[in-house]
PDB file of N, CA and C in Angstrom:
ATOM      1  N   ASP A   1      56.289   9.226  84.465  1.00  0.00           N
ATOM      2  CA  ASP A   1      54.901   9.550  84.165  1.00  0.00           C
ATOM      3  C   ASP A   1      54.702  11.042  83.902  1.00  0.00           C
ATOM      4  N   TYR A   2      55.573  11.872  84.464  1.00  0.00           N
ATOM      5  CA  TYR A   2      55.400  13.316  84.345  1.00  0.00           C
ATOM      6  C   TYR A   2      56.313  13.945  83.292  1.00  0.00           C
ATOM      7  N   LYS A   3      57.075  13.118  82.584  1.00  0.00           N
ATOM      8  CA  LYS A   3      58.075  13.638  81.655  1.00  0.00           C
ATOM      9  C   LYS A   3      57.473  14.608  80.643  1.00  0.00           C
ATOM     10  N   ASP A   4      56.403  14.227  79.964  1.00  0.00           N
ATOM     11  CA  ASP A   4      55.796  15.094  78.951  1.00  0.00           C
ATOM     12  C   ASP A   4      55.266  16.380  79.567  1.00  0.00           C
ATOM     13  N   GLU A   5      54.655  16.282  80.743  1.00  0.00           N
ATOM     14  CA  GLU A   5      54.126  17.470  81.421  1.00  0.00           C
ATOM     15  C   GLU A   5      55.255  18.421  81.811  1.00  0.00           C
ATOM     16  N   ILE A   6      56.338  17.871  82.299  1.00  0.00           N
ATOM     17  CA  ILE A   6      57.494  18.694  82.683  1.00  0.00           C
ATOM     18  C   ILE A   6      58.071  19.397  81.456  1.00  0.00           C
ATOM     19  N   ILE A   7      58.215  18.682  80.366  1.00  0.00           N
ATOM     20  CA  ILE A   7      58.744  19.271  79.133  1.00  0.00           C
ATOM     21  C   ILE A   7      57.818  20.370  78.626  1.00  0.00           C
ATOM     22  N   ASN A   8      56.521  20.123  78.628  1.00  0.00           N
ATOM     23  CA  ASN A   8      55.548  21.124  78.175  1.00  0.00           C
ATOM     24  C   ASN A   8      55.593  22.375  79.052  1.00  0.00           C
ATOM     25  N   ASN A   9      55.657  22.186  80.367  1.00  0.00           N
ATOM     26  CA  ASN A   9      55.722  23.331  81.279  1.00  0.00           C
ATOM     27  C   ASN A   9      57.010  24.117  81.079  1.00  0.00           C
ATOM     28  N   TYR A  10      58.115  23.420  80.933  1.00  0.00           N
ATOM     29  CA  TYR A  10      59.397  24.091  80.690  1.00  0.00           C
ATOM     30  C   TYR A  10      59.317  24.942  79.420  1.00  0.00           C
ATOM     31  N   ASN A  11      58.824  24.351  78.343  1.00  0.00           N
ATOM     32  CA  ASN A  11      58.742  25.071  77.072  1.00  0.00           C
ATOM     33  C   ASN A  11      57.816  26.281  77.173  1.00  0.00           C
ATOM     34  N   PHE A  12      56.701  26.137  77.865  1.00  0.00           N
ATOM     35  CA  PHE A  12      55.750  27.241  78.033  1.00  0.00           C
ATOM     36  C   PHE A  12      56.425  28.418  78.737  1.00  0.00           C
ATOM     37  N   ILE A  13      57.116  28.140  79.812  1.00  0.00           N
ATOM     38  CA  ILE A  13      57.785  29.197  80.577  1.00  0.00           C
ATOM     39  C   ILE A  13      58.985  29.744  79.807  1.00  0.00           C
ATOM     40  N   ASN A  14      59.782  28.869  79.221  1.00  0.00           N
ATOM     41  CA  ASN A  14      60.974  29.301  78.493  1.00  0.00           C
ATOM     42  C   ASN A  14      60.635  30.163  77.290  1.00  0.00           C
ATOM     43  N   ASN A  15      59.525  29.884  76.625  1.00  0.00           N
ATOM     44  CA  ASN A  15      59.146  30.675  75.452  1.00  0.00           C
ATOM     45  C   ASN A  15      58.900  32.138  75.805  1.00  0.00           C
ATOM     46  N   ALA A  16      58.551  32.419  77.045  1.00  0.00           N
ATOM     47  CA  ALA A  16      58.402  33.811  77.490  1.00  0.00           C
ATOM     48  C   ALA A  16      59.712  34.349  78.031  1.00  0.00           C
ATOM     49  N   LEU A  17      60.300  33.625  78.953  1.00  0.00           N
ATOM     50  CA  LEU A  17      61.431  34.174  79.703  1.00  0.00           C
ATOM     51  C   LEU A  17      62.759  34.159  78.956  1.00  0.00           C
ATOM     52  N   LYS A  18      62.855  33.408  77.860  1.00  0.00           N
ATOM     53  CA  LYS A  18      64.107  33.408  77.098  1.00  0.00           C
ATOM     54  C   LYS A  18      64.410  34.799  76.545  1.00  0.00           C
ATOM     55  N   HIS A  19      63.390  35.623  76.419  1.00  0.00           N
ATOM     56  CA  HIS A  19      63.564  36.983  75.909  1.00  0.00           C
ATOM     57  C   HIS A  19      64.023  37.959  76.992  1.00  0.00           C
ATOM     58  N   THR A  20      64.047  37.505  78.240  1.00  0.00           N
ATOM     59  CA  THR A  20      64.400  38.399  79.343  1.00  0.00           C
ATOM     60  C   THR A  20      65.713  38.023  80.011  1.00  0.00           C
ATOM     61  N   MET A  21      66.467  37.101  79.414  1.00  0.00           N
ATOM     62  CA  MET A  21      67.737  36.669  79.993  1.00  0.00           C
ATOM     63  C   MET A  21      68.650  37.871  80.228  1.00  0.00           C
ATOM     64  N   GLY A  22      69.123  38.018  81.442  1.00  0.00           N
ATOM     65  CA  GLY A  22      70.023  39.108  81.790  1.00  0.00           C
ATOM     66  C   GLY A  22      69.340  40.430  82.052  1.00  0.00           C
ATOM     67  N   ALA A  23      68.036  40.494  81.855  1.00  0.00           N
ATOM     68  CA  ALA A  23      67.285  41.733  82.083  1.00  0.00           C
ATOM     69  C   ALA A  23      66.611  41.668  83.449  1.00  0.00           C
ATOM     70  N   SER A  24      66.176  42.815  83.913  1.00  0.00           N
ATOM     71  CA  SER A  24      65.445  42.861  85.175  1.00  0.00           C
ATOM     72  C   SER A  24      64.095  43.540  84.947  1.00  0.00           C
ATOM     73  N   ILE A  25      63.155  43.241  85.814  1.00  0.00           N
ATOM     74  CA  ILE A  25      61.842  43.881  85.722  1.00  0.00           C
ATOM     75  C   ILE A  25      61.990  45.327  86.167  1.00  0.00           C
ATOM     76  N   ILE A  26      61.535  46.255  85.318  1.00  0.00           N
ATOM     77  CA  ILE A  26      61.591  47.662  85.707  1.00  0.00           C
ATOM     78  C   ILE A  26      60.217  48.203  86.090  1.00  0.00           C
ATOM     79  N   SER A  27      59.158  47.488  85.668  1.00  0.00           N
ATOM     80  CA  SER A  27      57.823  47.880  86.129  1.00  0.00           C
ATOM     81  C   SER A  27      56.861  46.704  86.025  1.00  0.00           C
ATOM     82  N   ARG A  28      55.907  46.728  86.928  1.00  0.00           N
ATOM     83  CA  ARG A  28      54.827  45.729  86.950  1.00  0.00           C
ATOM     84  C   ARG A  28      53.540  46.497  87.130  1.00  0.00           C
ATOM     85  N   GLU A  29      52.663  46.397  86.135  1.00  0.00           N
ATOM     86  CA  GLU A  29      51.426  47.163  86.147  1.00  0.00           C
ATOM     87  C   GLU A  29      50.235  46.213  86.068  1.00  0.00           C
ATOM     88  N   VAL A  30      49.312  46.338  87.007  1.00  0.00           N
ATOM     89  CA  VAL A  30      48.076  45.561  86.955  1.00  0.00           C
ATOM     90  C   VAL A  30      47.115  46.332  86.057  1.00  0.00           C
ATOM     91  N   LEU A  31      46.843  45.788  84.873  1.00  0.00           N
ATOM     92  CA  LEU A  31      45.987  46.461  83.904  1.00  0.00           C
ATOM     93  C   LEU A  31      44.519  46.335  84.271  1.00  0.00           C
ATOM     94  N   GLU A  32      44.180  45.194  84.832  1.00  0.00           N
ATOM     95  CA  GLU A  32      42.858  44.927  85.399  1.00  0.00           C
ATOM     96  C   GLU A  32      43.021  43.698  86.273  1.00  0.00           C
ATOM     97  N   ILE A  33      42.015  43.370  87.019  1.00  0.00           N
ATOM     98  CA  ILE A  33      42.129  42.200  87.892  1.00  0.00           C
ATOM     99  C   ILE A  33      42.457  40.977  87.037  1.00  0.00           C
ATOM    100  N   GLY A  34      43.587  40.356  87.342  1.00  0.00           N
ATOM    101  CA  GLY A  34      43.993  39.141  86.636  1.00  0.00           C
ATOM    102  C   GLY A  34      44.835  39.353  85.397  1.00  0.00           C
ATOM    103  N   VAL A  35      45.145  40.598  85.057  1.00  0.00           N
ATOM    104  CA  VAL A  35      45.963  40.879  83.874  1.00  0.00           C
ATOM    105  C   VAL A  35      47.099  41.815  84.280  1.00  0.00           C
ATOM    106  N   VAL A  36      48.342  41.354  84.059  1.00  0.00           N
ATOM    107  CA  VAL A  36      49.513  42.091  84.511  1.00  0.00           C
ATOM    108  C   VAL A  36      50.463  42.329  83.338  1.00  0.00           C
ATOM    109  N   LYS A  37      51.019  43.535  83.302  1.00  0.00           N
ATOM    110  CA  LYS A  37      52.010  43.901  82.283  1.00  0.00           C
ATOM    111  C   LYS A  37      53.360  44.071  82.975  1.00  0.00           C
ATOM    112  N   ASN A  38      54.325  43.229  82.602  1.00  0.00           N
ATOM    113  CA  ASN A  38      55.680  43.307  83.140  1.00  0.00           C
ATOM    114  C   ASN A  38      56.594  43.876  82.059  1.00  0.00           C
ATOM    115  N   THR A  39      57.327  44.926  82.405  1.00  0.00           N
ATOM    116  CA  THR A  39      58.267  45.537  81.482  1.00  0.00           C
ATOM    117  C   THR A  39      59.676  45.288  81.991  1.00  0.00           C
ATOM    118  N   TYR A  40      60.549  44.864  81.080  1.00  0.00           N
ATOM    119  CA  TYR A  40      61.921  44.494  81.431  1.00  0.00           C
ATOM    120  C   TYR A  40      62.903  45.545  80.932  1.00  0.00           C
ATOM    121  N   SER A  41      64.075  45.543  81.531  1.00  0.00           N
ATOM    122  CA  SER A  41      65.098  46.548  81.231  1.00  0.00           C
ATOM    123  C   SER A  41      65.598  46.493  79.787  1.00  0.00           C
ATOM    124  N   ASN A  42      65.387  45.399  79.092  1.00  0.00           N
ATOM    125  CA  ASN A  42      65.807  45.286  77.688  1.00  0.00           C
ATOM    126  C   ASN A  42      64.697  45.667  76.711  1.00  0.00           C
ATOM    127  N   GLY A  43      63.579  46.201  77.233  1.00  0.00           N
ATOM    128  CA  GLY A  43      62.481  46.657  76.385  1.00  0.00           C
ATOM    129  C   GLY A  43      61.402  45.623  76.136  1.00  0.00           C
ATOM    130  N   VAL A  44      61.614  44.390  76.539  1.00  0.00           N
ATOM    131  CA  VAL A  44      60.612  43.341  76.365  1.00  0.00           C
ATOM    132  C   VAL A  44      59.458  43.582  77.342  1.00  0.00           C
ATOM    133  N   VAL A  45      58.245  43.366  76.859  1.00  0.00           N
ATOM    134  CA  VAL A  45      57.049  43.457  77.690  1.00  0.00           C
ATOM    135  C   VAL A  45      56.354  42.107  77.637  1.00  0.00           C
ATOM    136  N   ILE A  46      55.939  41.607  78.784  1.00  0.00           N
ATOM    137  CA  ILE A  46      55.163  40.375  78.837  1.00  0.00           C
ATOM    138  C   ILE A  46      53.853  40.680  79.553  1.00  0.00           C
ATOM    139  N   ILE A  47      52.764  40.443  78.849  1.00  0.00           N
ATOM    140  CA  ILE A  47      51.437  40.601  79.442  1.00  0.00           C
ATOM    141  C   ILE A  47      50.957  39.215  79.838  1.00  0.00           C
ATOM    142  N   VAL A  48      50.592  39.058  81.101  1.00  0.00           N
ATOM    143  CA  VAL A  48      50.151  37.768  81.619  1.00  0.00           C
ATOM    144  C   VAL A  48      48.661  37.852  81.930  1.00  0.00           C
ATOM    145  N   ASN A  49      47.913  36.885  81.406  1.00  0.00           N
ATOM    146  CA  ASN A  49      46.479  36.799  81.658  1.00  0.00           C
ATOM    147  C   ASN A  49      46.221  35.619  82.590  1.00  0.00           C
ATOM    148  N   TYR A  50      45.941  35.926  83.841  1.00  0.00           N
ATOM    149  CA  TYR A  50      45.666  34.888  84.835  1.00  0.00           C
ATOM    150  C   TYR A  50      44.196  34.479  84.852  1.00  0.00           C
ATOM    151  N   THR A  51      43.363  35.103  84.033  1.00  0.00           N
ATOM    152  CA  THR A  51      41.922  34.867  84.085  1.00  0.00           C
ATOM    153  C   THR A  51      41.505  33.688  83.206  1.00  0.00           C
ATOM    154  N   THR A  52      40.230  33.387  83.229  1.00  0.00           N
ATOM    155  CA  THR A  52      39.679  32.289  82.434  1.00  0.00           C
ATOM    156  C   THR A  52      39.074  32.775  81.115  1.00  0.00           C
ATOM    157  N   LYS A  53      39.259  34.065  80.803  1.00  0.00           N
ATOM    158  CA  LYS A  53      38.717  34.633  79.559  1.00  0.00           C
ATOM    159  C   LYS A  53      39.827  35.327  78.788  1.00  0.00           C
ATOM    160  N   ALA A  54      39.734  35.265  77.457  1.00  0.00           N
ATOM    161  CA  ALA A  54      40.697  35.979  76.618  1.00  0.00           C
ATOM    162  C   ALA A  54      40.560  37.474  76.864  1.00  0.00           C
ATOM    163  N   LYS A  55      41.684  38.173  76.799  1.00  0.00           N
ATOM    164  CA  LYS A  55      41.699  39.621  77.016  1.00  0.00           C
ATOM    165  C   LYS A  55      42.398  40.287  75.844  1.00  0.00           C
ATOM    166  N   THR A  56      41.852  41.394  75.378  1.00  0.00           N
ATOM    167  CA  THR A  56      42.492  42.193  74.348  1.00  0.00           C
ATOM    168  C   THR A  56      43.122  43.399  75.023  1.00  0.00           C
ATOM    169  N   ILE A  57      44.436  43.492  74.887  1.00  0.00           N
ATOM    170  CA  ILE A  57      45.203  44.589  75.458  1.00  0.00           C
ATOM    171  C   ILE A  57      45.853  45.314  74.287  1.00  0.00           C
ATOM    172  N   GLY A  58      45.357  46.484  73.969  1.00  0.00           N
ATOM    173  CA  GLY A  58      45.830  47.182  72.770  1.00  0.00           C
ATOM    174  C   GLY A  58      45.517  46.342  71.555  1.00  0.00           C
ATOM    175  N   THR A  59      46.537  45.980  70.808  1.00  0.00           N
ATOM    176  CA  THR A  59      46.348  45.140  69.614  1.00  0.00           C
ATOM    177  C   THR A  59      46.657  43.668  69.889  1.00  0.00           C
ATOM    178  N   HIS A  60      46.885  43.340  71.159  1.00  0.00           N
ATOM    179  CA  HIS A  60      47.292  41.985  71.518  1.00  0.00           C
ATOM    180  C   HIS A  60      46.148  41.227  72.181  1.00  0.00           C
ATOM    181  N   ASN A  61      45.871  40.034  71.665  1.00  0.00           N
ATOM    182  CA  ASN A  61      44.875  39.158  72.258  1.00  0.00           C
ATOM    183  C   ASN A  61      45.607  38.124  73.113  1.00  0.00           C
ATOM    184  N   VAL A  62      45.339  38.141  74.410  1.00  0.00           N
ATOM    185  CA  VAL A  62      46.027  37.237  75.335  1.00  0.00           C
ATOM    186  C   VAL A  62      45.026  36.179  75.788  1.00  0.00           C
ATOM    187  N   LEU A  63      45.310  34.945  75.455  1.00  0.00           N
ATOM    188  CA  LEU A  63      44.411  33.838  75.780  1.00  0.00           C
ATOM    189  C   LEU A  63      44.352  33.609  77.291  1.00  0.00           C
ATOM    190  N   PRO A  64      43.308  32.919  77.746  1.00  0.00           N
ATOM    191  CA  PRO A  64      43.193  32.632  79.189  1.00  0.00           C
ATOM    192  C   PRO A  64      44.389  31.814  79.688  1.00  0.00           C
ATOM    193  N   HIS A  65      44.841  32.129  80.897  1.00  0.00           N
ATOM    194  CA  HIS A  65      45.968  31.419  81.516  1.00  0.00           C
ATOM    195  C   HIS A  65      47.171  31.363  80.579  1.00  0.00           C
ATOM    196  N   ASN A  66      47.447  32.508  79.950  1.00  0.00           N
ATOM    197  CA  ASN A  66      48.512  32.558  78.963  1.00  0.00           C
ATOM    198  C   ASN A  66      49.207  33.896  79.036  1.00  0.00           C
ATOM    199  N   TYR A  67      50.117  34.135  78.116  1.00  0.00           N
ATOM    200  CA  TYR A  67      50.882  35.375  78.098  1.00  0.00           C
ATOM    201  C   TYR A  67      51.114  35.798  76.657  1.00  0.00           C
ATOM    202  N   GLU A  68      51.500  37.048  76.498  1.00  0.00           N
ATOM    203  CA  GLU A  68      51.904  37.573  75.202  1.00  0.00           C
ATOM    204  C   GLU A  68      53.234  38.292  75.407  1.00  0.00           C
ATOM    205  N   VAL A  69      54.222  37.914  74.607  1.00  0.00           N
ATOM    206  CA  VAL A  69      55.530  38.565  74.656  1.00  0.00           C
ATOM    207  C   VAL A  69      55.563  39.624  73.565  1.00  0.00           C
ATOM    208  N   ILE A  70      55.927  40.848  73.950  1.00  0.00           N
ATOM    209  CA  ILE A  70      56.018  41.947  72.994  1.00  0.00           C
ATOM    210  C   ILE A  70      57.486  42.354  72.939  1.00  0.00           C
ATOM    211  N   LEU A  71      58.086  42.117  71.778  1.00  0.00           N
ATOM    212  CA  LEU A  71      59.523  42.401  71.607  1.00  0.00           C
ATOM    213  C   LEU A  71      59.741  43.796  71.073  1.00  0.00           C
TER     214      LEU A  71
END
């Protein structure tokens, strides 16, 4: 019953973290309440929006409960 949900969750997480394989987090910055910028040792940045509203961070629009990968 959960097969599709598991696959969707895996793909959602993998689409962000596949860019950080072998890298480590070098900084974590809270940009505002509910919005976090994680920078990895390979130069990848992932902005995570934990809020219920879209957020514009620089030139990046991060949807609610979503992330933006900056390569």
